[in-house]
Amino acid sequence: MIYCLCALLAVLLAAAVYKIVHLKKSAREITAAFADRLHTDTNTRIDISTRDKDMCALADSINCQLRILREEHLRYYQGDRELKNAVTNISHDLRTPLTAICGYLYMIEKTDDRAAVDRYLSFIAERTEAMKQLTEELFRYSVIQTEDTEAVLEDVNVNQALEDSIM
């Protein structure tokens, strides 16, 4: 009877050790794949060799977070590109009336005709008002953008996060 109990205990111990070894192997696979996915621009999923439902759930959860991270990363770069285009457009929109103002000032310097000077000054006033409106819009936009709350960045221990999600 005691031999059967010892044999059963040995089998259970061997099964537990086998399970632990495979879980550790899966954790190492997930850790390595996660680190690789963070440093490369890829849409491949983290795949593991075990069929353990908890480890598969962990891998699926990490895959979901990686997908969200990629989407946010893409949104950030698209927003950055749009911002650069907007700055280029604003620069052009400001430069155009400024160039016209410079041209009218040059023409004022070259003429003695009071009617022409008054007409040029009227054009300059219009262009100046357009520039004033553009800079006011730019200022309002920048105020709105700076009112957003800033994200709080913190270091994350990946191994601890994996351990916490397994437990």
Protein backbone atom coordinates (compact mmCIF):
# COMPACT_ATOMS: atom_id res chain seq x y z
CA MET A 1 0.00 0.00 0.00
CA ILE A 2 2.76 2.42 0.92
CA TYR A 3 4.57 1.58 -2.33
CA CYS A 4 1.48 2.43 -4.33
CA LEU A 5 1.12 5.69 -2.45
CA CYS A 6 4.81 6.53 -3.06
CA ALA A 7 4.47 5.61 -6.73
CA LEU A 8 1.38 7.79 -7.04
CA LEU A 9 3.17 10.64 -5.29
CA ALA A 10 6.18 10.22 -7.60
CA VAL A 11 3.92 10.31 -10.67
CA LEU A 12 2.16 13.42 -9.39
CA LEU A 13 5.50 15.05 -8.60
CA ALA A 14 6.82 14.20 -12.06
CA ALA A 15 3.66 15.62 -13.65
CA ALA A 16 3.98 18.81 -11.60
CA VAL A 17 7.66 19.21 -12.53
CA TYR A 18 6.79 18.57 -16.19
CA LYS A 19 4.04 21.22 -16.02
CA ILE A 20 6.32 23.75 -14.31
CA VAL A 21 9.09 23.20 -16.87
CA HIS A 22 6.67 23.70 -19.75
CA LEU A 23 5.15 26.81 -18.15
CA LYS A 24 8.61 28.29 -17.66
CA LYS A 25 9.45 27.48 -21.28
CA SER A 26 6.25 29.21 -22.40
CA ALA A 27 7.02 32.23 -20.23
CA ARG A 28 10.48 32.48 -21.79
CA GLU A 29 8.96 32.19 -25.28
CA ILE A 30 6.46 34.95 -24.49
CA THR A 31 9.16 37.18 -22.98
CA ALA A 32 11.46 36.76 -25.98
CA ALA A 33 8.66 37.24 -28.51
CA PHE A 34 7.34 40.28 -26.65
CA ALA A 35 10.75 41.93 -26.58
CA ASP A 36 11.16 41.19 -30.29
CA ARG A 37 7.73 42.63 -31.17
CA LEU A 38 8.44 45.82 -29.23
CA HIS A 39 11.61 46.52 -31.22
CA THR A 40 10.38 45.58 -34.69
CA ASP A 41 7.56 46.95 -36.80
CA THR A 42 5.59 43.79 -37.42
CA ASN A 43 2.02 42.55 -37.21
CA THR A 44 2.96 38.98 -36.36
CA ARG A 45 1.41 37.51 -33.26
CA ILE A 46 3.16 35.95 -30.30
CA ASP A 47 2.83 32.18 -30.68
CA ILE A 48 3.79 29.70 -28.00
CA SER A 49 4.40 25.96 -28.13
CA THR A 50 2.20 25.02 -25.18
CA ARG A 51 -1.51 24.32 -25.13
CA ASP A 52 -1.89 25.58 -21.56
CA LYS A 53 -5.02 27.72 -21.59
CA ASP A 54 -3.65 30.30 -19.13
CA MET A 55 -0.44 30.79 -21.10
CA CYS A 56 -2.42 30.99 -24.34
CA ALA A 57 -4.70 33.57 -22.71
CA LEU A 58 -1.63 35.53 -21.62
CA ALA A 59 -0.19 35.43 -25.14
CA ASP A 60 -3.56 36.55 -26.57
CA SER A 61 -3.75 39.39 -24.07
CA ILE A 62 -0.25 40.55 -24.97
CA ASN A 63 -1.10 40.28 -28.67
CA CYS A 64 -4.14 42.48 -28.08
CA GLN A 65 -2.03 45.06 -26.24
CA LEU A 66 0.62 44.97 -28.98
CA ARG A 67 -2.08 45.58 -31.59
CA ILE A 68 -3.38 48.56 -29.60
CA LEU A 69 0.17 49.86 -29.20
CA ARG A 70 0.79 49.58 -32.96
CA GLU A 71 -2.47 51.43 -33.69
CA GLU A 72 -1.54 54.21 -31.26
CA HIS A 73 1.95 54.38 -32.74
CA LEU A 74 0.49 54.67 -36.24
CA ARG A 75 -2.00 57.32 -35.07
CA TYR A 76 0.86 59.27 -33.49
CA TYR A 77 2.91 59.27 -36.70
CA GLN A 78 -0.11 60.20 -38.81
CA GLY A 79 -0.88 63.04 -36.42
CA ASP A 80 2.74 64.15 -36.55
CA ARG A 81 2.65 64.14 -40.34
CA GLU A 82 -0.62 66.10 -40.35
CA LEU A 83 0.87 68.60 -37.91
CA LYS A 84 3.91 69.11 -40.14
CA ASN A 85 1.62 69.62 -43.14
CA ALA A 86 -0.47 72.10 -41.16
CA VAL A 87 2.63 74.05 -40.16
CA THR A 88 3.73 74.12 -43.80
CA ASN A 89 0.29 75.36 -44.87
CA ILE A 90 0.20 78.00 -42.13
CA SER A 91 3.67 79.17 -43.11
CA HIS A 92 2.52 79.51 -46.70
CA ASP A 93 -0.69 81.26 -45.67
CA LEU A 94 1.30 83.77 -43.63
CA ARG A 95 4.03 84.26 -46.20
CA THR A 96 1.64 85.03 -49.07
CA PRO A 97 0.07 88.17 -47.56
CA LEU A 98 3.44 89.22 -46.17
CA THR A 99 4.94 89.04 -49.66
CA ALA A 100 2.03 91.10 -51.00
CA ILE A 101 2.55 93.69 -48.26
CA CYS A 102 6.24 93.95 -49.14
CA GLY A 103 5.30 94.42 -52.80
CA TYR A 104 2.83 97.17 -51.98
CA LEU A 105 5.38 98.91 -49.75
CA TYR A 106 7.88 98.81 -52.60
CA MET A 107 5.29 100.32 -54.94
CA ILE A 108 4.50 103.06 -52.38
CA GLU A 109 8.19 103.95 -52.26
CA LYS A 110 8.31 104.24 -56.07
CA THR A 111 5.19 106.38 -56.61
CA ASP A 112 4.27 109.96 -55.88
CA ASP A 113 0.58 109.50 -56.76
CA ARG A 114 -1.45 109.98 -53.55
CA ALA A 115 -4.44 107.98 -54.88
CA ALA A 116 -2.18 105.04 -55.67
CA VAL A 117 -0.57 105.28 -52.23
CA ASP A 118 -4.01 105.26 -50.58
CA ARG A 119 -5.06 102.25 -52.67
CA TYR A 120 -1.84 100.39 -51.76
CA LEU A 121 -2.34 101.24 -48.08
CA SER A 122 -5.86 99.82 -48.32
CA PHE A 123 -4.46 96.58 -49.79
CA ILE A 124 -1.83 96.48 -47.05
CA ALA A 125 -4.54 96.92 -44.39
CA GLU A 126 -6.53 94.02 -45.89
CA ARG A 127 -3.48 91.75 -46.01
CA THR A 128 -2.49 92.74 -42.49
CA GLU A 129 -5.99 91.88 -41.25
CA ALA A 130 -5.79 88.50 -42.99
CA MET A 131 -2.45 87.82 -41.30
CA LYS A 132 -3.89 88.94 -37.96
CA GLN A 133 -6.78 86.48 -38.33
CA LEU A 134 -4.43 83.64 -39.29
CA THR A 135 -2.13 84.27 -36.34
CA GLU A 136 -5.15 84.53 -34.01
CA GLU A 137 -6.42 81.15 -35.24
CA LEU A 138 -2.96 79.67 -34.80
CA PHE A 139 -2.77 81.07 -31.27
CA ARG A 140 -6.21 79.67 -30.35
CA TYR A 141 -5.22 76.28 -31.73
CA SER A 142 -1.98 76.23 -29.75
CA VAL A 143 -3.84 77.20 -26.55
CA ILE A 144 -6.33 74.38 -27.09
CA GLN A 145 -3.52 71.90 -27.71
CA THR A 146 -1.55 72.88 -24.62
CA GLU A 147 -4.60 72.49 -22.35
CA ASP A 148 -4.55 68.71 -22.85
CA THR A 149 -3.31 66.68 -19.93
CA GLU A 150 0.08 65.16 -20.37
CA ALA A 151 0.52 61.40 -20.21
CA VAL A 152 2.35 60.08 -17.19
CA LEU A 153 5.07 57.70 -18.28
CA GLU A 154 6.35 55.06 -15.92
CA ASP A 155 8.76 52.16 -16.14
CA VAL A 156 7.16 48.72 -16.29
CA ASN A 157 8.84 45.52 -15.20
CA VAL A 158 7.77 43.14 -17.99
CA ASN A 159 8.64 40.02 -16.02
CA GLN A 160 6.56 41.20 -13.06
CA ALA A 161 3.66 42.06 -15.36
CA LEU A 162 3.83 38.57 -16.87
CA GLU A 163 3.95 36.97 -13.43
CA ASP A 164 1.01 39.07 -12.25
CA SER A 165 -1.08 38.13 -15.26
CA ILE A 166 -0.35 34.41 -14.78
CA MET A 167 -1.40 34.45 -11.14
